[in-house]
C-alpha atoms as a PDB file:
ATOM      1  CA  MET A   1       5.761 -92.068 -24.045  1.00  0.00           C
ATOM      2  CA  THR A   2       4.180 -91.150 -27.384  1.00  0.00           C
ATOM      3  CA  THR A   3       6.059 -88.506 -29.440  1.00  0.00           C
ATOM      4  CA  VAL A   4       3.997 -86.298 -32.176  1.00  0.00           C
ATOM      5  CA  ALA A   5       6.337 -85.062 -34.894  1.00  0.00           C
ATOM      6  CA  ALA A   6       5.042 -82.124 -37.030  1.00  0.00           C
ATOM      7  CA  THR A   7       5.175 -82.404 -40.452  1.00  0.00           C
ATOM      8  CA  VAL A   8       4.704 -79.905 -43.195  1.00  0.00           C
ATOM      9  CA  ALA A   9       2.658 -80.520 -46.415  1.00  0.00           C
ATOM     10  CA  PRO A  10       5.129 -80.802 -49.321  1.00  0.00           C
ATOM     11  CA  ASP A  11       3.093 -78.589 -51.214  1.00  0.00           C
ATOM     12  CA  ALA A  12       2.711 -75.492 -48.796  1.00  0.00           C
ATOM     13  CA  PRO A  13       4.754 -72.563 -50.024  1.00  0.00           C
ATOM     14  CA  GLY A  14       7.560 -71.829 -47.849  1.00  0.00           C
ATOM     15  CA  PRO A  15       9.328 -68.206 -47.349  1.00  0.00           C
ATOM     16  CA  ALA A  16      11.704 -68.849 -50.239  1.00  0.00           C
ATOM     17  CA  ASP A  17       8.895 -69.924 -52.518  1.00  0.00           C
ATOM     18  CA  ARG A  18       6.460 -66.698 -51.897  1.00  0.00           C
ATOM     19  CA  ALA A  19       6.383 -64.195 -54.765  1.00  0.00           C
ATOM     20  CA  PRO A  20       8.682 -60.814 -54.011  1.00  0.00           C
ATOM     21  CA  ALA A  21       7.059 -57.853 -53.007  1.00  0.00           C
ATOM     22  CA  ARG A  22       7.184 -55.321 -55.778  1.00  0.00           C
ATOM     23  CA  PRO A  23       9.765 -52.666 -55.740  1.00  0.00           C
ATOM     24  CA  SER A  24       8.687 -48.983 -55.292  1.00  0.00           C
ATOM     25  CA  ARG A  25       9.455 -46.399 -57.791  1.00  0.00           C
ATOM     26  CA  PRO A  26      11.089 -43.631 -56.044  1.00  0.00           C
ATOM     27  CA  GLY A  27      12.182 -42.308 -59.293  1.00  0.00           C
ATOM     28  CA  GLY A  28       8.355 -41.951 -60.555  1.00  0.00           C
ATOM     29  CA  ARG A  29       7.322 -39.708 -56.965  1.00  0.00           C
ATOM     30  CA  ARG A  30      10.748 -37.896 -57.671  1.00  0.00           C
ATOM     31  CA  VAL A  31       9.628 -37.007 -61.281  1.00  0.00           C
ATOM     32  CA  ARG A  32       6.189 -35.638 -59.999  1.00  0.00           C
ATOM     33  CA  GLU A  33       7.434 -33.595 -57.480  1.00  0.00           C
ATOM     34  CA  GLN A  34      10.041 -32.069 -59.759  1.00  0.00           C
ATOM     35  CA  ARG A  35       7.244 -31.503 -62.274  1.00  0.00           C
ATOM     36  CA  LEU A  36       5.131 -29.565 -59.518  1.00  0.00           C
ATOM     37  CA  LEU A  37       8.088 -27.541 -58.473  1.00  0.00           C
ATOM     38  CA  VAL A  38       8.576 -26.576 -62.056  1.00  0.00           C
ATOM     39  CA  LEU A  39       4.750 -25.433 -62.310  1.00  0.00           C
ATOM     40  CA  ARG A  40       5.092 -23.444 -59.150  1.00  0.00           C
ATOM     41  CA  LEU A  41       8.124 -21.741 -60.202  1.00  0.00           C
ATOM     42  CA  GLY A  42       6.448 -21.039 -63.709  1.00  0.00           C
ATOM     43  CA  ALA A  43       3.476 -19.540 -62.091  1.00  0.00           C
ATOM     44  CA  ALA A  44       5.557 -17.247 -59.866  1.00  0.00           C
ATOM     45  CA  ILE A  45       7.739 -16.036 -62.501  1.00  0.00           C
ATOM     46  CA  VAL A  46       4.461 -15.261 -64.446  1.00  0.00           C
ATOM     47  CA  VAL A  47       2.731 -13.454 -61.557  1.00  0.00           C
ATOM     48  CA  SER A  48       6.068 -11.644 -60.947  1.00  0.00           C
ATOM     49  CA  LEU A  49       6.429 -10.554 -64.309  1.00  0.00           C
ATOM     50  CA  VAL A  50       2.641  -9.019 -64.082  1.00  0.00           C
ATOM     51  CA  VAL A  51       2.996  -7.348 -60.877  1.00  0.00           C
ATOM     52  CA  LEU A  52       6.533  -5.799 -61.417  1.00  0.00           C
ATOM     53  CA  PHE A  53       5.800  -4.730 -65.146  1.00  0.00           C
ATOM     54  CA  PRO A  54       4.108  -1.575 -64.200  1.00  0.00           C
ATOM     55  CA  LEU A  55       7.100  -0.269 -62.002  1.00  0.00           C
ATOM     56  CA  TYR A  56       9.601  -1.415 -64.775  1.00  0.00           C
ATOM     57  CA  TRP A  57       7.667   0.605 -67.406  1.00  0.00           C
ATOM     58  CA  MET A  58       7.475   3.857 -64.827  1.00  0.00           C
ATOM     59  CA  VAL A  59      11.360   3.296 -64.876  1.00  0.00           C
ATOM     60  CA  VAL A  60      11.637   3.242 -68.650  1.00  0.00           C
ATOM     61  CA  VAL A  61       9.469   6.349 -68.919  1.00  0.00           C
ATOM     62  CA  ALA A  62      10.964   8.195 -66.686  1.00  0.00           C
ATOM     63  CA  PHE A  63      14.649   7.874 -67.868  1.00  0.00           C
ATOM     64  CA  SER A  64      13.450   8.268 -71.494  1.00  0.00           C
ATOM     65  CA  THR A  65      13.462  11.348 -73.940  1.00  0.00           C
ATOM     66  CA  ARG A  66      10.642  13.523 -75.103  1.00  0.00           C
ATOM     67  CA  ALA A  67      11.179  12.141 -78.611  1.00  0.00           C
ATOM     68  CA  ASP A  68      10.987   8.323 -77.449  1.00  0.00           C
ATOM     69  CA  LEU A  69       7.698   8.915 -75.778  1.00  0.00           C
ATOM     70  CA  LEU A  70       6.199  11.178 -78.715  1.00  0.00           C
ATOM     71  CA  GLY A  71       7.479   8.855 -81.427  1.00  0.00           C
ATOM     72  CA  GLY A  72       4.793   6.261 -80.880  1.00  0.00           C
ATOM     73  CA  ALA A  73       7.208   3.409 -80.706  1.00  0.00           C
ATOM     74  CA  LEU A  74       7.164   1.364 -77.449  1.00  0.00           C
ATOM     75  CA  ARG A  75      10.645   0.582 -76.319  1.00  0.00           C
ATOM     76  CA  ILE A  76      11.792  -2.130 -73.909  1.00  0.00           C
ATOM     77  CA  TRP A  77      14.432   0.277 -72.919  1.00  0.00           C
ATOM     78  CA  PRO A  78      14.886   3.721 -73.721  1.00  0.00           C
ATOM     79  CA  SER A  79      17.352   4.573 -76.746  1.00  0.00           C
ATOM     80  CA  THR A  80      18.823   7.541 -74.814  1.00  0.00           C
ATOM     81  CA  PHE A  81      19.383   7.238 -70.973  1.00  0.00           C
ATOM     82  CA  THR A  82      18.319  10.924 -69.682  1.00  0.00           C
ATOM     83  CA  THR A  83      17.525  12.532 -66.298  1.00  0.00           C
ATOM     84  CA  ALA A  84      16.258  15.463 -67.746  1.00  0.00           C
ATOM     85  CA  ASN A  85      12.710  14.580 -66.738  1.00  0.00           C
ATOM     86  CA  PHE A  86      14.008  14.694 -62.876  1.00  0.00           C
ATOM     87  CA  GLU A  87      15.982  17.518 -63.347  1.00  0.00           C
ATOM     88  CA  ARG A  88      12.720  19.587 -64.913  1.00  0.00           C
ATOM     89  CA  VAL A  89      10.226  18.362 -62.298  1.00  0.00           C
ATOM     90  CA  PHE A  90      13.095  19.364 -59.589  1.00  0.00           C
ATOM     91  CA  GLU A  91      13.186  22.751 -60.706  1.00  0.00           C
ATOM     92  CA  ALA A  92       9.446  23.385 -61.082  1.00  0.00           C
ATOM     93  CA  PHE A  93       8.130  21.998 -57.832  1.00  0.00           C
ATOM     94  CA  PRO A  94       9.835  21.779 -54.316  1.00  0.00           C
ATOM     95  CA  VAL A  95      10.275  18.155 -54.304  1.00  0.00           C
ATOM     96  CA  VAL A  96      12.605  18.062 -52.057  1.00  0.00           C
ATOM     97  CA  THR A  97      10.838  19.927 -49.266  1.00  0.00           C
ATOM     98  CA  TRP A  98       7.726  17.622 -50.198  1.00  0.00           C
ATOM     99  CA  PHE A  99       9.922  14.425 -49.656  1.00  0.00           C
ATOM    100  CA  GLY A 100      11.003  16.019 -46.208  1.00  0.00           C
ATOM    101  CA  ASN A 101       7.354  16.432 -45.158  1.00  0.00           C
ATOM    102  CA  SER A 102       6.203  12.934 -46.341  1.00  0.00           C
ATOM    103  CA  THR A 103       9.142  11.293 -44.547  1.00  0.00           C
ATOM    104  CA  ALA A 104       8.824  13.253 -41.285  1.00  0.00           C
ATOM    105  CA  ILE A 105       4.955  12.529 -41.094  1.00  0.00           C
ATOM    106  CA  ALA A 106       5.424   8.951 -41.948  1.00  0.00           C
ATOM    107  CA  ILE A 107       8.009   8.308 -39.543  1.00  0.00           C
ATOM    108  CA  VAL A 108       6.139   9.872 -36.485  1.00  0.00           C
ATOM    109  CA  VAL A 109       3.020   8.214 -37.278  1.00  0.00           C
ATOM    110  CA  ALA A 110       4.806   4.915 -37.701  1.00  0.00           C
ATOM    111  CA  LEU A 111       6.000   5.290 -34.214  1.00  0.00           C
ATOM    112  CA  ILE A 112       3.310   6.462 -32.584  1.00  0.00           C
ATOM    113  CA  THR A 113       1.125   3.408 -34.129  1.00  0.00           C
ATOM    114  CA  VAL A 114       3.760   0.716 -33.007  1.00  0.00           C
ATOM    115  CA  THR A 115       3.840   2.040 -29.532  1.00  0.00           C
ATOM    116  CA  ILE A 116       0.128   2.268 -29.029  1.00  0.00           C
ATOM    117  CA  ASN A 117      -0.461  -1.003 -31.014  1.00  0.00           C
ATOM    118  CA  VAL A 118       2.131  -3.105 -29.021  1.00  0.00           C
ATOM    119  CA  LEU A 119       0.760  -1.687 -25.656  1.00  0.00           C
ATOM    120  CA  GLY A 120      -3.002  -2.385 -26.912  1.00  0.00           C
ATOM    121  CA  GLY A 121      -1.829  -5.794 -28.141  1.00  0.00           C
ATOM    122  CA  TYR A 122      -0.404  -6.938 -24.973  1.00  0.00           C
ATOM    123  CA  ALA A 123      -2.831  -5.485 -22.700  1.00  0.00           C
ATOM    124  CA  PHE A 124      -5.607  -7.737 -24.930  1.00  0.00           C
ATOM    125  CA  ALA A 125      -3.587 -10.703 -24.977  1.00  0.00           C
ATOM    126  CA  ARG A 126      -2.372 -10.788 -21.634  1.00  0.00           C
ATOM    127  CA  LEU A 127      -4.398  -8.892 -19.462  1.00  0.00           C
ATOM    128  CA  ARG A 128      -7.924 -10.210 -18.316  1.00  0.00           C
ATOM    129  CA  PHE A 129     -10.738  -7.474 -17.358  1.00  0.00           C
ATOM    130  CA  ARG A 130     -14.352  -7.189 -17.861  1.00  0.00           C
ATOM    131  CA  GLY A 131     -15.474  -6.492 -21.228  1.00  0.00           C
ATOM    132  CA  SER A 132     -12.120  -7.048 -22.983  1.00  0.00           C
ATOM    133  CA  ASN A 133     -13.568  -9.141 -25.831  1.00  0.00           C
ATOM    134  CA  ALA A 134     -16.208  -6.622 -26.383  1.00  0.00           C
ATOM    135  CA  VAL A 135     -13.909  -3.632 -26.579  1.00  0.00           C
ATOM    136  CA  PHE A 136     -11.639  -5.670 -28.797  1.00  0.00           C
ATOM    137  CA  LEU A 137     -14.475  -6.372 -31.061  1.00  0.00           C
ATOM    138  CA  VAL A 138     -15.695  -2.865 -31.116  1.00  0.00           C
ATOM    139  CA  ALA A 139     -12.221  -1.825 -31.914  1.00  0.00           C
ATOM    140  CA  LEU A 140     -12.355  -4.595 -35.279  1.00  0.00           C
ATOM    141  CA  ALA A 141     -15.681  -3.308 -36.128  1.00  0.00           C
ATOM    142  CA  THR A 142     -14.043  -0.011 -37.129  1.00  0.00           C
ATOM    143  CA  LEU A 143     -12.287  -1.570 -39.982  1.00  0.00           C
ATOM    144  CA  MET A 144     -15.631  -2.049 -41.889  1.00  0.00           C
ATOM    145  CA  ILE A 145     -16.100   1.933 -41.689  1.00  0.00           C
ATOM    146  CA  PRO A 146     -14.793   3.412 -44.756  1.00  0.00           C
ATOM    147  CA  VAL A 147     -12.699   6.542 -44.260  1.00  0.00           C
ATOM    148  CA  GLN A 148     -14.869   8.833 -46.249  1.00  0.00           C
ATOM    149  CA  VAL A 149     -17.751   8.337 -43.689  1.00  0.00           C
ATOM    150  CA  ILE A 150     -15.535   9.962 -40.850  1.00  0.00           C
ATOM    151  CA  MET A 151     -13.799  12.532 -42.635  1.00  0.00           C
ATOM    152  CA  VAL A 152     -16.440  15.436 -41.865  1.00  0.00           C
ATOM    153  CA  PRO A 153     -16.539  14.960 -38.163  1.00  0.00           C
ATOM    154  CA  LEU A 154     -12.675  14.131 -38.010  1.00  0.00           C
ATOM    155  CA  PHE A 155     -12.242  17.531 -39.927  1.00  0.00           C
ATOM    156  CA  THR A 156     -14.626  19.314 -37.134  1.00  0.00           C
ATOM    157  CA  LEU A 157     -12.386  17.939 -34.713  1.00  0.00           C
ATOM    158  CA  VAL A 158      -9.260  18.859 -35.957  1.00  0.00           C
ATOM    159  CA  THR A 159     -10.616  22.214 -36.552  1.00  0.00           C
ATOM    160  CA  ARG A 160     -12.003  22.622 -32.964  1.00  0.00           C
ATOM    161  CA  LEU A 161      -8.521  21.733 -31.430  1.00  0.00           C
ATOM    162  CA  ASP A 162      -7.020  24.272 -33.490  1.00  0.00           C
ATOM    163  CA  LEU A 163      -4.807  21.928 -35.591  1.00  0.00           C
ATOM    164  CA  TYR A 164      -6.047  22.735 -39.092  1.00  0.00           C
ATOM    165  CA  GLY A 165      -3.200  23.228 -41.581  1.00  0.00           C
ATOM    166  CA  THR A 166      -0.631  21.541 -39.410  1.00  0.00           C
ATOM    167  CA  TYR A 167       1.215  18.583 -39.499  1.00  0.00           C
ATOM    168  CA  TRP A 168      -0.478  16.942 -36.319  1.00  0.00           C
ATOM    169  CA  ALA A 169      -3.415  17.449 -38.310  1.00  0.00           C
ATOM    170  CA  VAL A 170      -2.286  14.533 -40.652  1.00  0.00           C
ATOM    171  CA  ILE A 171      -0.604  12.644 -37.630  1.00  0.00           C
ATOM    172  CA  LEU A 172      -2.807  12.244 -34.767  1.00  0.00           C
ATOM    173  CA  PRO A 173      -5.881  10.934 -36.580  1.00  0.00           C
ATOM    174  CA  THR A 174      -4.023   8.268 -38.310  1.00  0.00           C
ATOM    175  CA  ALA A 175      -1.517   7.252 -35.345  1.00  0.00           C
ATOM    176  CA  ALA A 176      -2.934   3.720 -34.753  1.00  0.00           C
ATOM    177  CA  SER A 177      -4.923   1.075 -36.503  1.00  0.00           C
ATOM    178  CA  ALA A 178      -7.543  -1.513 -35.559  1.00  0.00           C
ATOM    179  CA  PHE A 179      -5.858  -4.224 -38.057  1.00  0.00           C
ATOM    180  CA  GLY A 180      -2.478  -3.380 -36.467  1.00  0.00           C
ATOM    181  CA  LEU A 181      -3.936  -3.813 -32.908  1.00  0.00           C
ATOM    182  CA  PHE A 182      -5.394  -7.417 -33.996  1.00  0.00           C
ATOM    183  CA  LEU A 183      -2.032  -8.051 -35.343  1.00  0.00           C
ATOM    184  CA  ALA A 184      -0.206  -7.381 -32.273  1.00  0.00           C
ATOM    185  CA  ARG A 185      -2.521  -9.428 -30.190  1.00  0.00           C
ATOM    186  CA  GLN A 186      -2.309 -12.137 -32.161  1.00  0.00           C
ATOM    187  CA  PHE A 187       1.423 -12.200 -32.168  1.00  0.00           C
ATOM    188  CA  ILE A 188       2.035 -11.709 -28.528  1.00  0.00           C
ATOM    189  CA  LEU A 189      -0.564 -14.592 -27.920  1.00  0.00           C
ATOM    190  CA  GLY A 190       1.855 -16.781 -29.667  1.00  0.00           C
ATOM    191  CA  ILE A 191       4.712 -15.794 -27.345  1.00  0.00           C
ATOM    192  CA  PRO A 192       4.925 -18.889 -24.702  1.00  0.00           C
ATOM    193  CA  THR A 193       2.764 -18.328 -21.777  1.00  0.00           C
ATOM    194  CA  GLU A 194       5.340 -19.863 -19.215  1.00  0.00           C
ATOM    195  CA  LEU A 195       7.986 -16.914 -19.773  1.00  0.00           C
ATOM    196  CA  ILE A 196       5.418 -14.328 -18.870  1.00  0.00           C
ATOM    197  CA  GLU A 197       4.173 -16.335 -15.832  1.00  0.00           C
ATOM    198  CA  ALA A 198       7.745 -17.164 -14.756  1.00  0.00           C
ATOM    199  CA  ALA A 199       8.713 -13.215 -14.967  1.00  0.00           C
ATOM    200  CA  ARG A 200       5.511 -12.253 -13.194  1.00  0.00           C
ATOM    201  CA  ILE A 201       6.282 -14.926 -10.254  1.00  0.00           C
ATOM    202  CA  ASP A 202       9.736 -13.172  -9.844  1.00  0.00           C
ATOM    203  CA  GLY A 203       7.831 -10.029  -9.307  1.00  0.00           C
ATOM    204  CA  ALA A 204       8.240  -8.471 -12.436  1.00  0.00           C
ATOM    205  CA  SER A 205       5.778  -5.889 -13.522  1.00  0.00           C
ATOM    206  CA  HIS A 206       3.528  -5.915 -16.730  1.00  0.00           C
ATOM    207  CA  LEU A 207       5.864  -3.024 -17.912  1.00  0.00           C
ATOM    208  CA  ARG A 208       8.937  -5.090 -17.003  1.00  0.00           C
ATOM    209  CA  VAL A 209       7.354  -8.018 -18.933  1.00  0.00           C
ATOM    210  CA  LEU A 210       6.865  -6.298 -22.085  1.00  0.00           C
ATOM    211  CA  ARG A 211      10.423  -4.337 -22.005  1.00  0.00           C
ATOM    212  CA  SER A 212      12.475  -7.538 -21.098  1.00  0.00           C
ATOM    213  CA  ILE A 213      10.480 -10.447 -22.734  1.00  0.00           C
ATOM    214  CA  VAL A 214       7.563  -9.228 -25.139  1.00  0.00           C
ATOM    215  CA  LEU A 215       9.464  -6.450 -27.177  1.00  0.00           C
ATOM    216  CA  PRO A 216      12.687  -8.461 -27.502  1.00  0.00           C
ATOM    217  CA  LEU A 217      10.610 -11.338 -29.050  1.00  0.00           C
ATOM    218  CA  SER A 218       8.372  -8.967 -31.189  1.00  0.00           C
ATOM    219  CA  LYS A 219      11.243  -7.597 -33.546  1.00  0.00           C
ATOM    220  CA  PRO A 220       9.114  -9.111 -36.460  1.00  0.00           C
ATOM    221  CA  LEU A 221       5.868  -7.673 -35.233  1.00  0.00           C
ATOM    222  CA  ILE A 222       7.743  -4.201 -34.953  1.00  0.00           C
ATOM    223  CA  ALA A 223       9.068  -4.191 -38.440  1.00  0.00           C
ATOM    224  CA  VAL A 224       5.768  -5.409 -39.722  1.00  0.00           C
ATOM    225  CA  LEU A 225       3.806  -2.342 -37.641  1.00  0.00           C
ATOM    226  CA  PHE A 226       6.382   0.085 -38.809  1.00  0.00           C
ATOM    227  CA  PHE A 227       6.412  -0.774 -42.298  1.00  0.00           C
ATOM    228  CA  MET A 228       2.777  -0.969 -42.643  1.00  0.00           C
ATOM    229  CA  SER A 229       1.978   2.141 -41.218  1.00  0.00           C
ATOM    230  CA  LEU A 230       4.739   4.016 -42.976  1.00  0.00           C
ATOM    231  CA  LEU A 231       3.514   2.829 -46.363  1.00  0.00           C
ATOM    232  CA  SER A 232      -0.093   3.615 -45.449  1.00  0.00           C
ATOM    233  CA  THR A 233       0.956   7.499 -44.455  1.00  0.00           C
ATOM    234  CA  TRP A 234       3.229   7.833 -47.373  1.00  0.00           C
ATOM    235  CA  ASN A 235       0.628   6.961 -49.837  1.00  0.00           C
ATOM    236  CA  ASP A 236      -2.330   8.659 -48.265  1.00  0.00           C
ATOM    237  CA  PHE A 237      -3.654  11.156 -50.501  1.00  0.00           C
ATOM    238  CA  SER A 238      -7.111  12.152 -49.186  1.00  0.00           C
ATOM    239  CA  TRP A 239      -6.998  13.209 -46.009  1.00  0.00           C
ATOM    240  CA  PRO A 240      -3.689  15.271 -46.111  1.00  0.00           C
ATOM    241  CA  LEU A 241      -5.437  17.001 -49.051  1.00  0.00           C
ATOM    242  CA  ILE A 242      -7.818  18.161 -46.647  1.00  0.00           C
ATOM    243  CA  ALA A 243      -6.037  18.842 -43.574  1.00  0.00           C
ATOM    244  CA  LEU A 244      -3.231  20.673 -45.303  1.00  0.00           C
ATOM    245  CA  LYS A 245      -3.580  24.194 -46.883  1.00  0.00           C
ATOM    246  CA  GLN A 246       0.137  25.354 -47.385  1.00  0.00           C
ATOM    247  CA  ASN A 247       2.193  24.530 -50.395  1.00  0.00           C
ATOM    248  CA  GLU A 248       5.152  24.150 -48.211  1.00  0.00           C
ATOM    249  CA  LEU A 249       3.459  21.489 -45.974  1.00  0.00           C
ATOM    250  CA  PHE A 250       2.378  19.163 -48.746  1.00  0.00           C
ATOM    251  CA  THR A 251       3.298  15.758 -49.035  1.00  0.00           C
ATOM    252  CA  LEU A 252       4.317  13.930 -52.096  1.00  0.00           C
ATOM    253  CA  PRO A 253       1.027  12.529 -53.326  1.00  0.00           C
ATOM    254  CA  ILE A 254      -0.628  16.186 -53.145  1.00  0.00           C
ATOM    255  CA  GLY A 255       2.392  17.331 -55.233  1.00  0.00           C
ATOM    256  CA  LEU A 256       1.672  14.700 -57.757  1.00  0.00           C
ATOM    257  CA  LEU A 257      -1.741  15.966 -58.398  1.00  0.00           C
ATOM    258  CA  TYR A 258      -0.542  19.466 -58.881  1.00  0.00           C
ATOM    259  CA  LEU A 259       2.052  18.188 -61.416  1.00  0.00           C
ATOM    260  CA  GLN A 260      -0.585  16.267 -63.281  1.00  0.00           C
ATOM    261  CA  GLY A 261      -2.569  19.521 -63.436  1.00  0.00           C
ATOM    262  CA  GLN A 262      -0.014  21.681 -64.853  1.00  0.00           C
ATOM    263  CA  PHE A 263       1.927  18.785 -66.828  1.00  0.00           C
ATOM    264  CA  GLY A 264      -0.909  16.806 -68.345  1.00  0.00           C
ATOM    265  CA  SER A 265       1.125  15.674 -71.589  1.00  0.00           C
ATOM    266  CA  ASP A 266       4.765  15.329 -69.978  1.00  0.00           C
ATOM    267  CA  TYR A 267       4.249  11.382 -69.238  1.00  0.00           C
ATOM    268  CA  GLY A 268       8.219  11.760 -68.435  1.00  0.00           C
ATOM    269  CA  GLY A 269       8.001  14.210 -65.854  1.00  0.00           C
ATOM    270  CA  THR A 270       5.040  12.427 -64.042  1.00  0.00           C
ATOM    271  CA  MET A 271       6.694   8.794 -64.293  1.00  0.00           C
ATOM    272  CA  ALA A 272       9.832  10.607 -62.782  1.00  0.00           C
ATOM    273  CA  PHE A 273       8.066  12.256 -59.828  1.00  0.00           C
ATOM    274  CA  ALA A 274       6.100   8.854 -59.312  1.00  0.00           C
ATOM    275  CA  LEU A 275       9.555   6.823 -59.606  1.00  0.00           C
ATOM    276  CA  VAL A 276      10.592   9.416 -56.312  1.00  0.00           C
ATOM    277  CA  ASN A 277       7.481   8.655 -54.625  1.00  0.00           C
ATOM    278  CA  VAL A 278       7.506   4.792 -55.113  1.00  0.00           C
ATOM    279  CA  ALA A 279      11.370   4.058 -54.880  1.00  0.00           C
ATOM    280  CA  PRO A 280      11.849   4.415 -51.112  1.00  0.00           C
ATOM    281  CA  MET A 281       8.977   2.240 -50.253  1.00  0.00           C
ATOM    282  CA  VAL A 282      10.287  -0.557 -52.676  1.00  0.00           C
ATOM    283  CA  VAL A 283      13.814  -0.324 -50.818  1.00  0.00           C
ATOM    284  CA  LEU A 284      12.119  -0.462 -47.410  1.00  0.00           C
ATOM    285  CA  PHE A 285      10.134  -3.319 -48.312  1.00  0.00           C
ATOM    286  CA  LEU A 286      13.329  -5.229 -49.564  1.00  0.00           C
ATOM    287  CA  VAL A 287      14.992  -4.670 -46.499  1.00  0.00           C
ATOM    288  CA  PHE A 288      12.564  -5.587 -44.128  1.00  0.00           C
ATOM    289  CA  GLN A 289      11.040  -8.381 -46.213  1.00  0.00           C
ATOM    290  CA  ARG A 290      12.407 -11.036 -43.641  1.00  0.00           C
ATOM    291  CA  TYR A 291      10.803  -9.423 -40.740  1.00  0.00           C
ATOM    292  CA  PHE A 292       7.770  -8.755 -42.651  1.00  0.00           C
ATOM    293  CA  VAL A 293       7.097 -12.450 -43.648  1.00  0.00           C
ATOM    294  CA  GLN A 294       7.987 -13.557 -40.041  1.00  0.00           C
ATOM    295  CA  GLY A 295       5.529 -11.010 -38.292  1.00  0.00           C
ATOM    296  CA  PHE A 296       2.564 -12.157 -40.682  1.00  0.00           C
ATOM    297  CA  ALA A 297       3.274 -16.156 -40.008  1.00  0.00           C
ATOM    298  CA  ARG A 298       3.728 -15.681 -36.296  1.00  0.00           C
ATOM    299  CA  SER A 299       0.582 -13.836 -36.003  1.00  0.00           C
ATOM    300  CA  GLY A 300      -1.463 -16.799 -37.345  1.00  0.00           C
ATOM    301  CA  ILE A 301      -2.651 -15.039 -40.406  1.00  0.00           C
ATOM    302  CA  ARG A 302      -2.008 -17.008 -43.813  1.00  0.00           C
END
């Protein structure tokens, strides 16, 4: 019986003689990530300062005295903190009435808009009927039509319905939006289909599915639609100016126009009135910011 012995060449490199692997440098990667983080934070701070500076300057001018404003020297903060500008504006104009009008109109429009857009979004997302895609595209196509184009026919319609000069002349034409419909459809499409199918198999109607499954999962969507409609209606100027004719029915943007006409050089009073108009929306955005971001993120809009 022949035995063959395996021999190893003496010059062949063994595992111990091989060159050690080059160690990775986790420190270098960490340094690059820290530099990118610093650059992003720096860019975010610069952009935030640019965006917030007009609001900050509005606050400074609103609480400054006439001597500071007419002196010609720009101040980072008022030398004398005063509320005289607010007192003068509130005494000369029915600001409280206009504020109430803006609040009532904006809330009613937002509630109607949320209701219509959620119902329409559910229909386009979960119901299949002939021509649904065509109808949805036609609705989206209205986003390309400027508001100024439809003002004349809209005014004619409001006049024939005997709504001119009332709150409903402002509320009904703006109670729904094509963008809100698109946003609601995209959000509801992101809800798991299994949940809706299981409810349908158990015999739940579409309204029951909407009430018990879709709405509890759509809190970010509802917050976004409500805030967007509220903001759009609150800042709307052109249509309320056309549809309203009585002074006691005016909204804050129209009141600001009258204030600029009578107090053209009163920058303190103008900024005080503008701050009253802007402050509620800023507070609402800070309150609903978390839902606002979630609503857009889960709708597939980046």
